[in-house]
Structures are given as C-alpha cells and as structure tokens.
Amino acid sequence: MEKLKSGVPTVAITRVSSLLLVFFTVFTGVQGSIGVNYGTKGDNLPPPEEVAKFLLQATTINRIRLFDANNSIIQAFAHTGIEVTITVPDEFIPDLTKLSFAQQWVKNNVLPYVPATNIIRILIGNEILATANKLLIGSLVPAMQNLHTALVNATLDDQIKVSTPHSLGILSSSSPPSTGKFRKGYDTVVLKPMLSFLKATNGPFMINPYPFFGCSPDTLDYALFRPNAGVLDESTQLRYTNMLDAQLDATYSALKLLGYEDVEIVIAETGWPSDGDATQLGADAESAAQYNGNLVRHVTSGVGTPLMPKRTFETYIFALFNENQKPGPTCERNFGLFEPNLIPVYNVGILRPKGRAAVPGYPGPVVNPVSPKPQHKGKKWCLPRTGADAEALQANIDYVCGMGIDCSPIQNGGPCFLPNTVRAHAAYAMNAYYQSKGRNAYDCDFKQTGAFSTVDPSYRKCNYLS
C-alpha cells in the first residue's frame, strides 16, 4: 500500500510518555519473522547509512522491504546481515517479459551488492491486480518467470526468491473465511500460473491485509485484538477473535480452492496509523500501539489461525517512518513506527536496551498486550456484543459494580485496567456478573448488549472468571 501512507508532525517524548500504550516482550525467535517497510516519501528522512546503523544497533528489526531498488539504500545495508527485499517498479514490468531486460536488471541492481547486502527477495510491482492495467497484469507472471531465470543464470535463485504482493481486493469472497475465493478471471488466468511458479521456486504468496481499512465502530475491538465476543464461521464452527486471522484464513481458503494451500503466506505489509482525520476511526497512537504490539506477538506466537494452526507468519509492519510527502488523507502520512528524527512514535518493544537508553523519557514498563487464550470446551464467557453502544456498556459497568461485584481489577492499577477502554472494562464486569450469578443465560443479556464467547479473554495477570 505504498501508494498511500506516511507521517508528518514530530511527536514529543512527553506526548509518547503520557499515552496509554500497549507493549510486548520481545521473545526468542521474534527477530526472525518481523520486518518493516522502509518507505522514502519524505523530505526530512535520515540518510540510509544512519537508518541501517540505527536498525542494526538500536532495534530488533532484521528485515526490511523497499518499494524500489534504491541503490544507496541497498549499499547502506551491506555487512549488516539485515535481510533486504527490493522491488521492481511497476513501469518496468512489461520490459521484464524480455529475458535480456531481466538479466540486465539483475546485473545493475543485484550483482553489485551481493553477497555484502543480504538480498533475499525481489518483488515485481505492488498490488498489480488492483491496478486493472491489462498490460501490467498480463505481463506479471512472465516477468516473474524471467527474473527468476536471470537469478538462475547468476546462481542466485537459492538465495533470492521472486514474488509480488497483493491487496485483499483479489478476493471476491472473504466472509466467512471458509468461503474465501479469488476473483473470476484472475483465479485461473493469472493466479493459478503464478501459484504454480511460486510452488516450483519455493516463493511465498504475499498479501497486504489492513484491518484498519476494514473495520467499523462495531468491529474496532475485533480489528485491534481487544477482548470481543468473536465471529463464528458457521461452515467450520470456528470462532475468530481478530480480523487479521479472518483475512489470512480467507486467503488460505482461496489458495486451497486452487490446490495451492501449501504455498507459504507472507504478510508483505500491515499496520495502523497513529494519527488521522477526525472522521477516521481509531487513528491514534494508542490504537496503533495496540494493533502493532498485538500483531507481532500473535504472528510469532506459533498459535497460527483457526484454519492454519501452529504457524508463524513472516510479517512486515508498515512503516518504518512517518513520511510527510505521501498523498491522501492524514492517516497516510502517519503509519510510521518512528519519526524521521528516530524517536519512536509509540513503543511496541522493538528497541534494544541500548536504543531505549538513548531516548530520554522512553515509556515503560513493558507489559504483554491483550491476546485471547485458546478455546475451552464447555466454558463460556460473557462479553459485550459487537456494535454495543459505549454508553450502554458504561451503564453495565455502573450496574455491575453497584451490585457489589468486585470491580477492583478494572480500577487504576488493577491487573485488568489496561487497555483503559469502556468496552474492555465492560467485558470484565459483565463476565464477572454472569459467572457470579450462576451462569444463567439471562444474566448475560444486559439489554441485548451481551454475547457469549468460548475463547478465554484472560491476558497476562488479568484473569476472567469462568
């Protein structure tokens, strides 16, 4: 989604410190699967050499994705060990249908920099099927094949794989996830040959899922991995507690329909803005910290998704910097993890101790984010219904706490105080009432604002009664 996004206002450390943020602990193995998109649409960005040094010494990020083949950036990451993905710009795709051009492109943009720079992947364009450009679409798979052949000729095909990222617009159906399928016309003409190529070359199928652009007031908690009643796929009887899992499984279902469910899925970009226009739901630093922090913990946890259990997903967060020259609404300039001066916009746990020490007033302490626990047969938890009005949920909190139910866990300093939202506090209070009153169905009605979940919403030291 490099066509949009970036960031502009400098965020003072005092502002960062005052935000109610969600953090995550960096676990062993996380560094191997989390990367960041390094966009350059800003007139105030630090030089590539400084960026490479910063990422290497101050952060746990060891993968970057570029939206072009910027030679100065590729050179800057030499001898860092950081894995680099480069991109052939859209306009060169028709030319790549000629093998000689593909060989020359590799000669100019790859051979001078390897092995010093750890280039692992070349992407052909970005979201090409969404362009509706028949020339680009028709040239896409031949371009991928020729570029791979050029890498074979240079004996680099084992080290460098070829792929292309897709928007979720390639799906004609995605809800429920089990019905996921690709758009007619693209499915057999473009995607099936592409998947055959990816399987033969051990390349990944890359997608750009953005729950931010798919959520509504009713589904904000679902998009942010916050406690929620979940969404049941009636065909599989699997319950989804976050939108990202649903998007990944819809993609998996579409791959399976074509017989390519064994092709690896990589999240080429996903993220959440820390600022936006007044009409944009959830465009704030607290939500961005929650989404990206929970995202990292989830995709690296090994839990997987309902249809792809026990998997981790190579994931690239959008984006490294707020980029002040990106077009579009305000949010597009505010997807960055860092300001151009290298100060974090919020903390998702990617700074090493040395990096944290270099930032006066760096926020802490580190705590685990909200992440629902696995399903438990026979147990139910009472949570706010999707779309329940905030005023009604506040009334539920007041009623339950006024009835003498212990609400201290959701008070300031309590184990369930964070995230400090009406919905999260209502989830704890409503469930406490339901469990303490004998688990009668009518005790979870709350004037039709309650719903049952079979997924334990407990997290870290916040334990929901059951």
Protein backbone atom coordinates (compact mmCIF):
# COMPACT_ATOMS: atom_id res chain seq x y z
CA MET A 1 0.00 0.00 0.00
CA GLU A 2 2.97 2.28 -0.63
CA LYS A 3 0.67 4.23 -2.93
CA LEU A 4 -0.62 5.92 0.24
CA LYS A 5 0.65 6.43 3.83
CA SER A 6 3.26 8.49 5.73
CA GLY A 7 3.76 10.82 8.72
CA VAL A 8 4.42 14.45 9.48
CA PRO A 9 4.09 16.03 12.94
CA THR A 10 7.03 15.36 15.26
CA VAL A 11 5.85 13.63 18.40
CA ALA A 12 7.48 14.87 21.57
CA ILE A 13 8.74 12.34 24.06
CA THR A 14 6.42 13.83 26.68
CA ARG A 15 3.46 13.05 24.43
CA VAL A 16 4.66 9.48 23.97
CA SER A 17 5.15 9.09 27.71
CA SER A 18 1.64 10.27 28.51
CA LEU A 19 -0.14 7.92 26.14
CA LEU A 20 -1.77 4.78 27.45
CA LEU A 21 0.19 2.30 25.35
CA VAL A 22 0.33 -1.45 24.99
CA PHE A 23 3.73 -3.09 24.79
CA PHE A 24 5.03 -6.58 24.21
CA THR A 25 8.02 -8.53 25.38
CA VAL A 26 10.49 -9.49 22.64
CA PHE A 27 10.53 -13.29 22.62
CA THR A 28 13.26 -15.53 21.25
CA GLY A 29 12.54 -16.11 17.58
CA VAL A 30 10.58 -12.91 17.02
CA GLN A 31 13.51 -11.26 15.28
CA GLY A 32 13.45 -13.90 12.58
CA SER A 33 9.97 -13.16 11.31
CA ILE A 34 9.21 -9.47 11.85
CA GLY A 35 10.32 -6.86 9.35
CA VAL A 36 9.41 -3.31 8.42
CA ASN A 37 8.54 -1.49 5.21
CA TYR A 38 11.12 1.23 4.55
CA GLY A 39 9.34 3.93 2.55
CA THR A 40 11.09 7.09 1.38
CA LYS A 41 8.33 9.60 0.58
CA GLY A 42 9.56 12.29 2.92
CA ASP A 43 11.83 15.31 2.60
CA ASN A 44 13.15 15.03 6.16
CA LEU A 45 14.22 11.39 6.39
CA PRO A 46 17.66 10.43 7.75
CA PRO A 47 20.33 9.19 5.33
CA PRO A 48 20.28 5.44 4.59
CA GLU A 49 23.60 4.82 6.36
CA GLU A 50 22.16 6.28 9.57
CA VAL A 51 18.99 4.20 9.20
CA ALA A 52 20.95 0.98 8.69
CA LYS A 53 23.13 1.67 11.73
CA PHE A 54 20.07 2.55 13.83
CA LEU A 55 18.18 -0.62 12.91
CA LEU A 56 21.21 -2.81 13.49
CA GLN A 57 22.32 -1.33 16.81
CA ALA A 58 19.18 0.04 18.42
CA THR A 59 16.33 -2.25 17.29
CA THR A 60 15.47 -5.94 16.94
CA ILE A 61 14.31 -5.46 13.33
CA ASN A 62 16.37 -7.60 10.95
CA ARG A 63 14.25 -7.50 7.78
CA ILE A 64 13.33 -4.56 5.59
CA ARG A 65 11.27 -4.21 2.45
CA LEU A 66 11.97 -1.47 -0.10
CA PHE A 67 9.42 -0.21 -2.62
CA ASP A 68 12.08 0.14 -5.28
CA ALA A 69 15.72 -0.86 -5.81
CA ASN A 70 17.28 2.29 -4.37
CA ASN A 71 20.98 1.60 -4.83
CA SER A 72 22.10 3.88 -1.99
CA ILE A 73 19.83 2.09 0.49
CA ILE A 74 20.88 -1.36 -0.74
CA GLN A 75 24.52 -0.32 -0.35
CA ALA A 76 23.86 1.13 3.12
CA PHE A 77 22.74 -2.27 4.42
CA ALA A 78 25.90 -4.03 3.30
CA HIS A 79 27.60 -6.09 6.05
CA THR A 80 24.65 -5.60 8.45
CA GLY A 81 23.13 -9.07 7.91
CA ILE A 82 19.70 -7.45 7.74
CA GLU A 83 17.55 -9.23 5.16
CA VAL A 84 16.55 -6.92 2.32
CA THR A 85 13.62 -7.23 -0.06
CA ILE A 86 13.77 -4.99 -3.13
CA THR A 87 11.10 -4.14 -5.70
CA VAL A 88 10.97 -3.75 -9.46
CA PRO A 89 8.79 -0.65 -10.04
CA ASP A 90 5.51 -1.18 -11.89
CA GLU A 91 6.64 0.62 -15.04
CA PHE A 92 9.36 -1.95 -15.72
CA ILE A 93 7.06 -4.98 -15.63
CA PRO A 94 6.31 -5.07 -19.40
CA ASP A 95 10.05 -4.82 -20.14
CA LEU A 96 10.73 -7.85 -17.92
CA THR A 97 8.83 -10.04 -20.38
CA LYS A 98 12.11 -9.90 -22.32
CA LEU A 99 14.74 -12.12 -20.71
CA SER A 100 17.55 -9.81 -21.78
CA PHE A 101 16.00 -6.94 -19.81
CA ALA A 102 15.57 -9.15 -16.74
CA GLN A 103 19.22 -10.17 -16.95
CA GLN A 104 20.32 -6.55 -17.28
CA TRP A 105 18.12 -5.52 -14.33
CA VAL A 106 19.73 -8.17 -12.13
CA LYS A 107 23.17 -7.13 -13.38
CA ASN A 108 22.50 -3.47 -12.46
CA ASN A 109 20.52 -3.80 -9.24
CA VAL A 110 21.58 -7.07 -7.62
CA LEU A 111 25.01 -8.33 -8.66
CA PRO A 112 26.97 -5.25 -7.47
CA TYR A 113 25.57 -5.61 -3.94
CA VAL A 114 25.54 -9.33 -3.12
CA PRO A 115 26.70 -11.01 -1.01
CA ALA A 116 27.65 -7.94 1.05
CA THR A 117 23.99 -6.93 1.22
CA ASN A 118 21.70 -9.80 2.21
CA ILE A 119 19.07 -9.51 -0.55
CA ILE A 120 16.54 -12.32 -0.03
CA ARG A 121 13.65 -11.40 -2.30
CA ILE A 122 12.69 -9.37 -5.35
CA LEU A 123 9.09 -8.24 -5.69
CA ILE A 124 7.54 -7.44 -9.05
CA GLY A 125 5.49 -4.29 -8.51
CA ASN A 126 2.92 -3.85 -5.76
CA GLU A 127 -0.79 -4.80 -5.85
CA ILE A 128 -0.69 -5.09 -9.65
CA LEU A 129 -4.02 -6.89 -9.96
CA ALA A 130 -5.69 -3.93 -8.26
CA THR A 131 -4.47 -1.56 -10.97
CA ALA A 132 -6.82 -3.04 -13.62
CA ASN A 133 -3.99 -2.29 -16.10
CA LYS A 134 -4.26 -5.13 -18.62
CA LEU A 135 -0.68 -4.70 -19.86
CA LEU A 136 0.78 -4.92 -16.34
CA ILE A 137 -1.47 -7.80 -15.33
CA GLY A 138 -0.76 -9.78 -18.48
CA SER A 139 2.97 -9.22 -18.10
CA LEU A 140 3.17 -10.06 -14.40
CA VAL A 141 3.74 -13.83 -14.42
CA PRO A 142 6.10 -13.81 -17.46
CA ALA A 143 8.07 -11.04 -15.71
CA MET A 144 8.36 -13.16 -12.56
CA GLN A 145 9.50 -16.15 -14.59
CA ASN A 146 12.13 -14.18 -16.50
CA LEU A 147 13.51 -12.56 -13.39
CA HIS A 148 13.82 -15.97 -11.76
CA THR A 149 15.63 -17.27 -14.86
CA ALA A 150 18.03 -14.33 -14.63
CA LEU A 151 18.71 -15.26 -11.00
CA VAL A 152 19.27 -18.88 -12.00
CA ASN A 153 21.82 -17.76 -14.58
CA ALA A 154 23.57 -15.76 -11.86
CA THR A 155 23.37 -18.76 -9.45
CA LEU A 156 21.34 -16.64 -7.02
CA ASP A 157 17.99 -18.45 -7.25
CA ASP A 158 18.52 -20.35 -3.99
CA GLN A 159 19.26 -17.17 -2.08
CA ILE A 160 16.82 -14.74 -3.75
CA LYS A 161 13.17 -15.57 -4.37
CA VAL A 162 10.72 -13.77 -6.66
CA SER A 163 7.17 -12.82 -5.71
CA THR A 164 4.61 -9.98 -5.87
CA PRO A 165 2.31 -8.51 -3.18
CA HIS A 166 -1.49 -8.45 -3.47
CA SER A 167 -4.22 -6.42 -1.86
CA LEU A 168 -7.16 -8.33 -0.39
CA GLY A 169 -9.16 -6.96 -3.31
CA ILE A 170 -8.09 -10.09 -5.20
CA LEU A 171 -10.73 -11.95 -3.16
CA SER A 172 -14.30 -11.99 -4.42
CA SER A 173 -15.45 -13.56 -1.15
CA SER A 174 -13.83 -13.39 2.26
CA SER A 175 -16.62 -13.64 4.83
CA PRO A 176 -16.89 -16.07 6.40
CA PRO A 177 -13.22 -17.05 5.93
CA SER A 178 -14.06 -20.57 4.77
CA THR A 179 -15.71 -19.10 1.65
CA GLY A 180 -12.61 -17.21 0.54
CA LYS A 181 -12.01 -17.33 -3.20
CA PHE A 182 -10.19 -15.31 -5.83
CA ARG A 183 -11.95 -13.08 -8.34
CA LYS A 184 -13.10 -14.74 -11.52
CA GLY A 185 -10.81 -14.04 -14.43
CA TYR A 186 -7.82 -13.62 -12.16
CA ASP A 187 -8.16 -17.00 -10.45
CA THR A 188 -7.29 -19.36 -13.30
CA VAL A 189 -5.75 -16.96 -15.84
CA VAL A 190 -3.25 -15.14 -13.58
CA LEU A 191 -3.18 -16.57 -10.07
CA LYS A 192 -3.09 -20.27 -10.86
CA PRO A 193 0.00 -19.95 -13.14
CA MET A 194 1.56 -17.62 -10.57
CA LEU A 195 0.97 -20.11 -7.75
CA SER A 196 2.42 -22.89 -9.86
CA PHE A 197 5.53 -20.74 -10.33
CA LEU A 198 5.75 -19.90 -6.61
CA LYS A 199 5.40 -23.54 -5.61
CA ALA A 200 8.06 -24.65 -8.10
CA THR A 201 10.52 -21.96 -6.96
CA ASN A 202 9.66 -22.09 -3.24
CA GLY A 203 8.50 -18.48 -3.29
CA PRO A 204 5.81 -17.07 -0.95
CA PHE A 205 2.35 -15.74 -1.76
CA MET A 206 2.38 -12.19 -0.39
CA ILE A 207 -0.62 -10.19 0.79
CA ASN A 208 -1.26 -6.74 2.28
CA PRO A 209 -4.02 -7.13 4.92
CA TYR A 210 -5.16 -3.94 6.69
CA PRO A 211 -7.79 -4.39 9.41
CA PHE A 212 -7.64 -0.59 9.87
CA PHE A 213 -9.28 -0.07 6.49
CA GLY A 214 -11.79 -2.87 7.04
CA CYS A 215 -13.11 -2.03 10.50
CA SER A 216 -16.14 -0.08 11.66
CA PRO A 217 -17.29 1.13 15.11
CA ASP A 218 -18.83 -2.32 15.56
CA THR A 219 -15.61 -4.18 14.78
CA LEU A 220 -12.86 -1.91 16.17
CA ASP A 221 -12.07 -4.23 19.09
CA TYR A 222 -12.09 -7.18 16.69
CA ALA A 223 -9.57 -5.37 14.47
CA LEU A 224 -7.29 -4.40 17.38
CA PHE A 225 -7.12 -7.85 19.02
CA ARG A 226 -9.04 -6.46 22.02
CA PRO A 227 -11.46 -8.65 24.03
CA ASN A 228 -14.59 -9.29 21.97
CA ALA A 229 -17.24 -11.95 21.51
CA GLY A 230 -15.67 -13.07 18.25
CA VAL A 231 -17.21 -14.02 14.91
CA LEU A 232 -18.36 -17.57 14.22
CA ASP A 233 -17.79 -19.17 10.83
CA GLU A 234 -20.87 -21.38 10.76
CA SER A 235 -19.48 -23.58 7.99
CA THR A 236 -16.47 -24.67 10.05
CA GLN A 237 -17.78 -23.81 13.54
CA LEU A 238 -14.52 -21.95 14.10
CA ARG A 239 -14.64 -18.68 16.04
CA TYR A 240 -12.46 -15.73 15.05
CA THR A 241 -11.34 -13.29 17.73
CA ASN A 242 -9.46 -10.90 15.44
CA MET A 243 -9.87 -9.60 11.90
CA LEU A 244 -6.34 -10.42 10.76
CA ASP A 245 -6.88 -14.15 11.31
CA ALA A 246 -10.09 -13.95 9.30
CA GLN A 247 -8.28 -12.20 6.43
CA LEU A 248 -5.43 -14.71 6.46
CA ASP A 249 -7.81 -17.68 6.51
CA ALA A 250 -9.90 -16.23 3.68
CA THR A 251 -6.67 -16.09 1.64
CA TYR A 252 -5.83 -19.65 2.66
CA SER A 253 -9.29 -20.84 1.60
CA ALA A 254 -8.81 -19.21 -1.80
CA LEU A 255 -5.42 -20.88 -2.21
CA LYS A 256 -6.89 -24.22 -1.19
CA LEU A 257 -9.66 -23.88 -3.76
CA LEU A 258 -6.99 -23.72 -6.47
CA GLY A 259 -5.00 -26.57 -4.90
CA TYR A 260 -2.12 -24.46 -3.56
CA GLU A 261 -2.77 -24.36 0.18
CA ASP A 262 0.83 -25.49 0.78
CA VAL A 263 2.29 -22.25 -0.63
CA GLU A 264 3.63 -20.08 2.22
CA ILE A 265 1.69 -16.90 3.02
CA VAL A 266 3.76 -13.82 3.90
CA ILE A 267 2.27 -10.57 5.19
CA ALA A 268 4.03 -8.05 2.95
CA GLU A 269 2.59 -5.06 4.79
CA THR A 270 0.12 -4.29 7.53
CA GLY A 271 -0.07 -1.51 10.07
CA TRP A 272 -2.13 1.12 11.87
CA PRO A 273 -1.84 4.93 11.80
CA SER A 274 -1.04 6.97 14.90
CA ASP A 275 -2.93 9.99 13.60
CA GLY A 276 -5.65 10.73 11.07
CA ASP A 277 -8.56 12.93 10.10
CA ALA A 278 -11.38 13.43 12.60
CA THR A 279 -13.63 11.11 10.60
CA GLN A 280 -11.16 8.20 10.66
CA LEU A 281 -11.98 5.64 13.31
CA GLY A 282 -9.17 4.56 15.65
CA ALA A 283 -6.45 6.68 14.01
CA ASP A 284 -4.48 7.37 17.19
CA ALA A 285 -1.23 6.32 18.82
CA GLU A 286 -2.87 4.13 21.47
CA SER A 287 -4.68 2.07 18.84
CA ALA A 288 -1.57 1.89 16.66
CA ALA A 289 0.48 0.62 19.61
CA GLN A 290 -2.18 -1.95 20.44
CA TYR A 291 -2.50 -3.21 16.88
CA ASN A 292 1.20 -3.48 16.09
CA GLY A 293 2.15 -4.82 19.52
CA ASN A 294 -0.57 -7.47 19.46
CA LEU A 295 0.17 -8.20 15.80
CA VAL A 296 3.81 -9.05 16.49
CA ARG A 297 3.00 -11.21 19.47
CA HIS A 298 0.25 -13.02 17.60
CA VAL A 299 2.01 -13.81 14.32
CA THR A 300 5.13 -15.03 16.12
CA SER A 301 3.34 -16.99 18.86
CA GLY A 302 3.05 -20.24 16.91
CA VAL A 303 -0.70 -20.35 17.61
CA GLY A 304 -1.48 -19.67 13.94
CA THR A 305 -5.06 -19.13 12.77
CA PRO A 306 -8.18 -21.30 13.04
CA LEU A 307 -7.54 -22.81 9.58
CA MET A 308 -3.73 -22.68 9.83
CA PRO A 309 -2.93 -23.74 13.40
CA LYS A 310 0.61 -23.84 14.79
CA ARG A 311 2.04 -21.45 12.22
CA THR A 312 4.10 -18.31 12.41
CA PHE A 313 3.91 -15.68 9.69
CA GLU A 314 6.74 -13.62 8.26
CA THR A 315 5.31 -10.13 8.66
CA TYR A 316 6.37 -6.64 7.57
CA ILE A 317 4.93 -3.71 9.51
CA PHE A 318 4.05 -0.60 7.57
CA ALA A 319 6.03 1.53 8.07
CA LEU A 320 9.44 2.46 9.41
CA PHE A 321 8.93 6.25 9.27
CA ASN A 322 6.17 8.79 9.13
CA GLU A 323 6.57 10.15 5.57
CA ASN A 324 5.43 13.75 5.13
CA GLN A 325 5.17 13.69 1.33
CA LYS A 326 2.66 10.90 0.94
CA PRO A 327 -0.63 11.86 -0.72
CA GLY A 328 -4.10 11.15 0.59
CA PRO A 329 -5.76 11.60 3.99
CA THR A 330 -3.79 12.44 7.12
CA CYS A 331 -3.50 8.81 8.20
CA GLU A 332 -1.40 8.02 5.14
CA ARG A 333 1.42 10.17 6.49
CA ASN A 334 1.27 8.64 9.96
CA PHE A 335 1.83 4.88 9.74
CA GLY A 336 5.43 5.11 10.95
CA LEU A 337 6.90 3.41 13.99
CA PHE A 338 9.43 6.25 14.15
CA GLU A 339 9.60 9.94 13.43
CA PRO A 340 12.31 10.99 10.95
CA ASN A 341 14.47 12.00 13.96
CA LEU A 342 14.42 8.31 15.01
CA ILE A 343 12.26 8.94 18.09
CA PRO A 344 9.57 6.25 18.43
CA VAL A 345 6.01 7.43 17.85
CA TYR A 346 4.99 4.76 20.36
CA ASN A 347 6.59 1.64 21.82
CA VAL A 348 5.96 -1.88 20.54
CA GLY A 349 9.08 -3.36 22.08
CA ILE A 350 11.45 -3.30 19.12
CA LEU A 351 14.16 -1.13 20.72
CA ARG A 352 17.13 -2.87 22.29
CA PRO A 353 18.23 -1.69 25.78
CA LYS A 354 20.88 0.50 24.15
CA GLY A 355 18.25 2.09 21.92
CA ARG A 356 15.90 2.70 24.85
CA ALA A 357 18.66 4.32 26.87
CA ALA A 358 19.26 6.80 24.06
CA VAL A 359 15.67 8.10 24.27
CA PRO A 360 15.09 10.28 27.38
CA GLY A 361 11.73 9.54 28.99
CA TYR A 362 11.24 6.38 26.95
CA PRO A 363 7.88 4.88 28.00
CA GLY A 364 7.61 1.74 30.09
CA PRO A 365 7.28 -0.66 31.70
CA VAL A 366 6.93 -3.45 29.17
CA VAL A 367 3.72 -5.45 29.58
CA ASN A 368 2.05 -8.06 27.47
CA PRO A 369 -0.82 -6.97 25.22
CA VAL A 370 -4.33 -8.29 25.10
CA SER A 371 -4.24 -11.66 23.38
CA PRO A 372 -7.15 -14.07 23.81
CA LYS A 373 -6.33 -17.52 25.10
CA PRO A 374 -7.38 -20.76 23.35
CA GLN A 375 -10.91 -22.09 23.34
CA HIS A 376 -12.09 -24.25 26.24
CA LYS A 377 -14.82 -26.80 25.65
CA GLY A 378 -17.86 -26.33 27.85
CA LYS A 379 -16.82 -22.92 29.20
CA LYS A 380 -18.40 -19.61 28.29
CA TRP A 381 -17.51 -16.00 28.95
CA CYS A 382 -19.96 -13.11 28.76
CA LEU A 383 -18.59 -10.22 26.68
CA PRO A 384 -20.02 -7.10 25.02
CA ARG A 385 -21.86 -7.79 21.81
CA THR A 386 -20.20 -6.46 18.66
CA GLY A 387 -21.61 -2.98 17.99
CA ALA A 388 -22.84 -2.41 21.55
CA ASP A 389 -23.08 1.31 22.34
CA ALA A 390 -20.40 2.71 24.65
CA GLU A 391 -23.00 4.46 26.83
CA ALA A 392 -24.87 1.19 27.30
CA LEU A 393 -21.64 -0.58 28.20
CA GLN A 394 -20.78 2.13 30.73
CA ALA A 395 -24.23 1.64 32.22
CA ASN A 396 -23.46 -2.09 32.50
CA ILE A 397 -20.23 -1.32 34.37
CA ASP A 398 -22.06 1.03 36.76
CA TYR A 399 -24.78 -1.55 37.38
CA VAL A 400 -22.44 -4.48 37.98
CA CYS A 401 -20.06 -2.57 40.24
CA GLY A 402 -23.02 -1.07 42.09
CA MET A 403 -24.29 -4.60 42.80
CA GLY A 404 -21.24 -5.33 44.91
CA ILE A 405 -19.33 -7.35 42.30
CA ASP A 406 -15.56 -6.90 42.77
CA CYS A 407 -14.53 -4.32 40.16
CA SER A 408 -11.10 -3.57 41.61
CA PRO A 409 -9.29 -5.39 38.74
CA ILE A 410 -10.52 -2.73 36.28
CA GLN A 411 -9.69 0.21 38.50
CA ASN A 412 -6.48 2.22 38.01
CA GLY A 413 -3.55 -0.02 38.94
CA GLY A 414 -5.60 -3.19 38.70
CA PRO A 415 -4.47 -6.12 36.51
CA CYS A 416 -7.32 -5.51 34.03
CA PHE A 417 -7.15 -1.70 33.91
CA LEU A 418 -5.27 -1.80 30.59
CA PRO A 419 -6.48 -1.28 27.96
CA ASN A 420 -8.35 1.64 29.53
CA THR A 421 -11.47 1.49 27.34
CA VAL A 422 -15.15 1.23 28.18
CA ARG A 423 -15.50 -1.95 26.14
CA ALA A 424 -12.58 -3.71 27.83
CA HIS A 425 -13.77 -2.75 31.31
CA ALA A 426 -17.34 -3.74 30.44
CA ALA A 427 -16.10 -7.13 29.22
CA TYR A 428 -14.56 -7.87 32.60
CA ALA A 429 -17.52 -6.53 34.61
CA MET A 430 -20.24 -8.24 32.55
CA ASN A 431 -18.44 -11.58 32.71
CA ALA A 432 -17.86 -11.24 36.46
CA TYR A 433 -21.59 -10.66 36.94
CA TYR A 434 -22.58 -13.60 34.71
CA GLN A 435 -20.18 -16.02 36.42
CA SER A 436 -21.08 -14.93 39.96
CA LYS A 437 -24.84 -15.16 39.38
CA GLY A 438 -24.80 -18.82 38.41
CA ARG A 439 -24.09 -18.64 34.68
CA ASN A 440 -27.70 -18.25 33.61
CA ALA A 441 -28.16 -17.16 30.00
CA TYR A 442 -30.37 -14.25 31.03
CA ASP A 443 -27.54 -12.90 33.23
CA CYS A 444 -25.56 -12.18 30.05
CA ASP A 445 -28.34 -10.32 28.28
CA PHE A 446 -27.67 -6.81 29.60
CA LYS A 447 -30.48 -5.37 27.50
CA GLN A 448 -29.16 -7.28 24.47
CA THR A 449 -25.64 -5.85 24.74
CA GLY A 450 -24.05 -9.11 25.93
CA ALA A 451 -22.92 -12.15 23.95
CA PHE A 452 -21.20 -15.44 24.76
CA SER A 453 -17.67 -16.42 23.75
CA THR A 454 -15.91 -19.77 24.09
CA VAL A 455 -12.50 -18.05 23.90
CA ASP A 456 -10.92 -17.17 27.24
CA PRO A 457 -10.32 -13.38 27.12
CA SER A 458 -7.82 -13.52 30.01
CA TYR A 459 -4.42 -11.99 29.37
CA ARG A 460 -1.23 -11.80 31.42
CA LYS A 461 -2.37 -11.20 35.06
CA CYS A 462 -5.92 -10.23 34.06
CA ASN A 463 -7.88 -13.42 34.73
CA TYR A 464 -11.52 -13.56 33.72
CA LEU A 465 -13.73 -15.70 35.98
CA SER A 466 -15.03 -18.92 34.43
